[in-house]
C-alpha atoms as a PDB file:
ATOM      1  CA  MET A   1     -53.786  10.293 -14.887  1.00  0.00           C
ATOM      2  CA  LYS A   2     -53.453   6.489 -14.541  1.00  0.00           C
ATOM      3  CA  THR A   3     -50.486   6.474 -16.895  1.00  0.00           C
ATOM      4  CA  ARG A   4     -48.721   9.194 -14.903  1.00  0.00           C
ATOM      5  CA  ASN A   5     -49.286   7.359 -11.607  1.00  0.00           C
ATOM      6  CA  THR A   6     -48.082   4.105 -13.157  1.00  0.00           C
ATOM      7  CA  ILE A   7     -44.902   5.808 -14.375  1.00  0.00           C
ATOM      8  CA  ILE A   8     -44.303   7.367 -10.972  1.00  0.00           C
ATOM      9  CA  LEU A   9     -44.774   3.996  -9.242  1.00  0.00           C
ATOM     10  CA  MET A  10     -42.433   2.287 -11.712  1.00  0.00           C
ATOM     11  CA  LEU A  11     -39.749   4.911 -11.111  1.00  0.00           C
ATOM     12  CA  PHE A  12     -40.199   4.582  -7.357  1.00  0.00           C
ATOM     13  CA  PHE A  13     -39.864   0.775  -7.335  1.00  0.00           C
ATOM     14  CA  ASN A  14     -36.963   0.840  -9.788  1.00  0.00           C
ATOM     15  CA  SER A  15     -35.074   3.285  -7.582  1.00  0.00           C
ATOM     16  CA  ILE A  16     -35.689   1.049  -4.534  1.00  0.00           C
ATOM     17  CA  ALA A  17     -34.473  -2.013  -6.438  1.00  0.00           C
ATOM     18  CA  PHE A  18     -31.409  -0.118  -7.668  1.00  0.00           C
ATOM     19  CA  GLY A  19     -30.588   0.925  -4.093  1.00  0.00           C
ATOM     20  CA  GLN A  20     -30.783  -2.680  -2.912  1.00  0.00           C
ATOM     21  CA  VAL A  21     -28.555  -3.948  -5.693  1.00  0.00           C
ATOM     22  CA  SER A  22     -26.120  -1.125  -5.039  1.00  0.00           C
ATOM     23  CA  ASN A  23     -26.038  -1.917  -1.306  1.00  0.00           C
ATOM     24  CA  GLU A  24     -25.416  -5.610  -2.018  1.00  0.00           C
ATOM     25  CA  THR A  25     -22.680  -4.647  -4.475  1.00  0.00           C
ATOM     26  CA  HIS A  26     -21.033  -2.484  -1.809  1.00  0.00           C
ATOM     27  CA  LYS A  27     -21.255  -5.320   0.712  1.00  0.00           C
ATOM     28  CA  LYS A  28     -19.514  -7.656  -1.746  1.00  0.00           C
ATOM     29  CA  GLN A  29     -16.829  -5.005  -2.322  1.00  0.00           C
ATOM     30  CA  ILE A  30     -16.264  -4.705   1.441  1.00  0.00           C
ATOM     31  CA  GLN A  31     -16.024  -8.492   1.749  1.00  0.00           C
ATOM     32  CA  ASN A  32     -13.436  -8.508  -1.048  1.00  0.00           C
ATOM     33  CA  LEU A  33     -11.598  -5.608   0.602  1.00  0.00           C
ATOM     34  CA  VAL A  34     -11.152  -7.648   3.775  1.00  0.00           C
ATOM     35  CA  LEU A  35      -9.759 -10.731   2.060  1.00  0.00           C
ATOM     36  CA  GLU A  36      -7.690  -8.908  -0.572  1.00  0.00           C
ATOM     37  CA  SER A  37      -6.119  -6.554   1.969  1.00  0.00           C
ATOM     38  CA  PHE A  38      -4.959  -9.458   4.131  1.00  0.00           C
ATOM     39  CA  ASP A  39      -3.669 -11.386   1.123  1.00  0.00           C
ATOM     40  CA  GLU A  40      -1.951  -8.410  -0.519  1.00  0.00           C
ATOM     41  CA  ILE A  41      -0.510  -6.776   2.616  1.00  0.00           C
ATOM     42  CA  TRP A  42      -0.118  -9.382   5.361  1.00  0.00           C
ATOM     43  CA  SER A  43       0.460 -12.560   3.330  1.00  0.00           C
ATOM     44  CA  LYS A  44       2.734 -10.988   0.738  1.00  0.00           C
ATOM     45  CA  LEU A  45       4.391  -8.737   3.363  1.00  0.00           C
ATOM     46  CA  GLU A  46       4.078  -5.906   0.847  1.00  0.00           C
ATOM     47  CA  PRO A  47       4.160  -2.327   2.233  1.00  0.00           C
ATOM     48  CA  LYS A  48       3.458  -0.819  -1.212  1.00  0.00           C
ATOM     49  CA  ASN A  49      -0.047  -2.329  -1.060  1.00  0.00           C
ATOM     50  CA  ILE A  50      -0.946  -0.401   2.108  1.00  0.00           C
ATOM     51  CA  GLU A  51      -2.072   2.696   0.190  1.00  0.00           C
ATOM     52  CA  LYS A  52      -4.303   0.560  -2.053  1.00  0.00           C
ATOM     53  CA  TYR A  53      -6.360  -0.756   0.877  1.00  0.00           C
ATOM     54  CA  TYR A  54      -5.892   1.728   3.756  1.00  0.00           C
ATOM     55  CA  THR A  55      -6.521   5.467   3.997  1.00  0.00           C
ATOM     56  CA  LYS A  56      -3.585   7.767   4.777  1.00  0.00           C
ATOM     57  CA  ASP A  57      -4.821   8.179   8.365  1.00  0.00           C
ATOM     58  CA  PHE A  58      -5.592   4.457   8.881  1.00  0.00           C
ATOM     59  CA  LEU A  59      -5.310   3.067  12.408  1.00  0.00           C
ATOM     60  CA  LEU A  60      -4.949  -0.561  13.455  1.00  0.00           C
ATOM     61  CA  LEU A  61      -5.838  -1.311  17.069  1.00  0.00           C
ATOM     62  CA  GLU A  62      -3.956  -4.569  17.537  1.00  0.00           C
ATOM     63  CA  HIS A  63      -4.123  -6.328  20.896  1.00  0.00           C
ATOM     64  CA  GLY A  64      -3.611  -3.171  22.967  1.00  0.00           C
ATOM     65  CA  GLU A  65      -1.300  -1.385  20.518  1.00  0.00           C
ATOM     66  CA  VAL A  66      -2.012   1.431  18.057  1.00  0.00           C
ATOM     67  CA  TRP A  67      -0.414   1.009  14.646  1.00  0.00           C
ATOM     68  CA  ASN A  68      -0.490   3.343  11.644  1.00  0.00           C
ATOM     69  CA  ASN A  69       0.652   2.811   8.060  1.00  0.00           C
ATOM     70  CA  ASP A  70       4.280   3.540   8.967  1.00  0.00           C
ATOM     71  CA  THR A  71       4.192   1.047  11.857  1.00  0.00           C
ATOM     72  CA  ILE A  72       2.698  -1.585   9.567  1.00  0.00           C
ATOM     73  CA  ALA A  73       5.272  -0.936   6.812  1.00  0.00           C
ATOM     74  CA  ALA A  74       8.139  -1.258   9.323  1.00  0.00           C
ATOM     75  CA  HIS A  75       6.657  -4.516  10.651  1.00  0.00           C
ATOM     76  CA  LEU A  76       6.296  -5.948   7.128  1.00  0.00           C
ATOM     77  CA  ASN A  77       9.839  -4.955   6.122  1.00  0.00           C
ATOM     78  CA  LYS A  78      11.235  -6.579   9.273  1.00  0.00           C
ATOM     79  CA  ALA A  79       9.196  -9.748   8.674  1.00  0.00           C
ATOM     80  CA  LYS A  80      10.565 -10.043   5.114  1.00  0.00           C
ATOM     81  CA  LEU A  81      14.068 -10.414   6.544  1.00  0.00           C
ATOM     82  CA  LYS A  82      13.211 -13.700   8.268  1.00  0.00           C
ATOM     83  CA  LEU A  83      14.274 -16.720   6.278  1.00  0.00           C
ATOM     84  CA  PRO A  84      12.864 -19.008   5.220  1.00  0.00           C
ATOM     85  CA  MET A  85       9.916 -16.816   4.305  1.00  0.00           C
ATOM     86  CA  PRO A  86       6.724 -18.122   5.916  1.00  0.00           C
ATOM     87  CA  LYS A  87       3.566 -18.592   3.862  1.00  0.00           C
ATOM     88  CA  ARG A  88       0.350 -17.158   5.314  1.00  0.00           C
ATOM     89  CA  VAL A  89      -3.071 -18.343   4.161  1.00  0.00           C
ATOM     90  CA  ASN A  90      -6.058 -16.297   5.334  1.00  0.00           C
ATOM     91  CA  THR A  91      -9.602 -17.487   5.860  1.00  0.00           C
ATOM     92  CA  ILE A  92     -12.230 -14.835   6.553  1.00  0.00           C
ATOM     93  CA  GLU A  93     -15.690 -15.546   7.955  1.00  0.00           C
ATOM     94  CA  ILE A  94     -17.880 -12.457   7.693  1.00  0.00           C
ATOM     95  CA  ILE A  95     -20.246 -11.897  10.623  1.00  0.00           C
ATOM     96  CA  ASP A  96     -21.984  -8.775   9.309  1.00  0.00           C
ATOM     97  CA  ILE A  97     -21.520  -5.807   7.001  1.00  0.00           C
ATOM     98  CA  LYS A  98     -23.394  -2.507   7.222  1.00  0.00           C
ATOM     99  CA  VAL A  99     -23.192   0.123   4.493  1.00  0.00           C
ATOM    100  CA  THR A 100     -24.557   3.655   4.889  1.00  0.00           C
ATOM    101  CA  ASN A 101     -23.891   6.119   2.094  1.00  0.00           C
ATOM    102  CA  LYS A 102     -20.102   6.338   1.784  1.00  0.00           C
ATOM    103  CA  THR A 103     -19.205   4.580   5.027  1.00  0.00           C
ATOM    104  CA  ALA A 104     -19.287   0.948   6.067  1.00  0.00           C
ATOM    105  CA  TRP A 105     -18.363  -1.345   8.912  1.00  0.00           C
ATOM    106  CA  VAL A 106     -17.634  -5.028   8.897  1.00  0.00           C
ATOM    107  CA  ALA A 107     -17.235  -7.649  11.629  1.00  0.00           C
ATOM    108  CA  TYR A 108     -15.510 -10.958  10.882  1.00  0.00           C
ATOM    109  CA  HIS A 109     -13.384 -13.847  12.110  1.00  0.00           C
ATOM    110  CA  ASN A 110      -9.887 -13.865  10.661  1.00  0.00           C
ATOM    111  CA  TYR A 111      -8.003 -17.158  10.597  1.00  0.00           C
ATOM    112  CA  ALA A 112      -4.395 -17.430   9.460  1.00  0.00           C
ATOM    113  CA  THR A 113      -2.392 -20.586   8.858  1.00  0.00           C
ATOM    114  CA  ILE A 114       1.327 -19.918   8.691  1.00  0.00           C
ATOM    115  CA  SER A 115       3.651 -22.517   7.257  1.00  0.00           C
ATOM    116  CA  VAL A 116       7.269 -22.960   6.241  1.00  0.00           C
ATOM    117  CA  ASP A 117       8.180 -25.557   3.648  1.00  0.00           C
ATOM    118  CA  ASP A 118       4.551 -26.793   3.683  1.00  0.00           C
ATOM    119  CA  LYS A 119       4.757 -27.481   7.428  1.00  0.00           C
ATOM    120  CA  VAL A 120       2.246 -25.560   9.576  1.00  0.00           C
ATOM    121  CA  ILE A 121       4.132 -23.646  12.249  1.00  0.00           C
ATOM    122  CA  ARG A 122       1.289 -21.525  13.614  1.00  0.00           C
ATOM    123  CA  LYS A 123      -2.448 -21.077  13.444  1.00  0.00           C
ATOM    124  CA  ALA A 124      -3.999 -17.829  14.595  1.00  0.00           C
ATOM    125  CA  HIS A 125      -7.541 -16.561  15.044  1.00  0.00           C
ATOM    126  CA  TRP A 126      -8.695 -12.984  15.517  1.00  0.00           C
ATOM    127  CA  LEU A 127     -12.110 -11.425  15.994  1.00  0.00           C
ATOM    128  CA  GLU A 128     -12.000  -8.174  14.067  1.00  0.00           C
ATOM    129  CA  SER A 129     -14.044  -5.178  13.076  1.00  0.00           C
ATOM    130  CA  ALA A 130     -13.202  -2.489  10.584  1.00  0.00           C
ATOM    131  CA  THR A 131     -14.618   0.718   9.187  1.00  0.00           C
ATOM    132  CA  ALA A 132     -14.247   1.761   5.578  1.00  0.00           C
ATOM    133  CA  ILE A 133     -14.953   4.823   3.479  1.00  0.00           C
ATOM    134  CA  LEU A 134     -15.782   5.063  -0.199  1.00  0.00           C
ATOM    135  CA  THR A 135     -13.051   7.064  -1.927  1.00  0.00           C
ATOM    136  CA  ASP A 136     -12.632   8.031  -5.566  1.00  0.00           C
ATOM    137  CA  LYS A 137     -10.434   4.888  -5.830  1.00  0.00           C
ATOM    138  CA  GLY A 138     -13.001   2.592  -4.224  1.00  0.00           C
ATOM    139  CA  TRP A 139     -13.474   1.347  -0.671  1.00  0.00           C
ATOM    140  CA  LYS A 140     -10.573   1.731   1.767  1.00  0.00           C
ATOM    141  CA  PHE A 141     -10.259   0.870   5.423  1.00  0.00           C
ATOM    142  CA  ASP A 142      -9.738   3.768   7.802  1.00  0.00           C
ATOM    143  CA  MET A 143      -9.739   1.705  11.013  1.00  0.00           C
ATOM    144  CA  LEU A 144      -9.365  -1.919  12.013  1.00  0.00           C
ATOM    145  CA  HIS A 145      -9.711  -3.365  15.520  1.00  0.00           C
ATOM    146  CA  SER A 146      -8.250  -6.800  16.147  1.00  0.00           C
ATOM    147  CA  THR A 147      -8.617  -9.049  19.183  1.00  0.00           C
ATOM    148  CA  ARG A 148      -6.787 -12.364  19.406  1.00  0.00           C
ATOM    149  CA  VAL A 149      -8.928 -15.378  20.120  1.00  0.00           C
ATOM    150  CA  LYS A 150      -7.215 -17.947  22.318  1.00  0.00           C
ATOM    151  CA  SER A 151      -6.644 -21.388  20.836  1.00  0.00           C
ATOM    152  CA  GLU A 152      -8.459 -24.263  22.470  1.00  0.00           C
END
């Protein structure tokens, strides 16, 4: 009887520990999703990367406007025509991440430094939140809400 109870307790605590590790792993994946999506889409101005990071029905709520994947792709293609091509460096400061089953949300500060020929031409700061779903290809954003933070 003692052996059976010991085994049951071990299984119980192992499953709790596994759940915690799994949740922390998902949080790290969401954190990487934020940074990689901005680097691969917005810094590289690369529309082909949209499907890697965003769901097909993704919505971006950007300073009073509603954008979808087509809107974003058109914006990126237009931006690539500007010469010289600006360089964007992103810095993300995570506020919080919550993961529940196959959904997650994240809140963060997004800072971008944009330069041309190593000269900074603009600095921007947004307060953002996003929701993500776990797909068969990993985590993808299905919604992002962005609010510009005024420079001081």
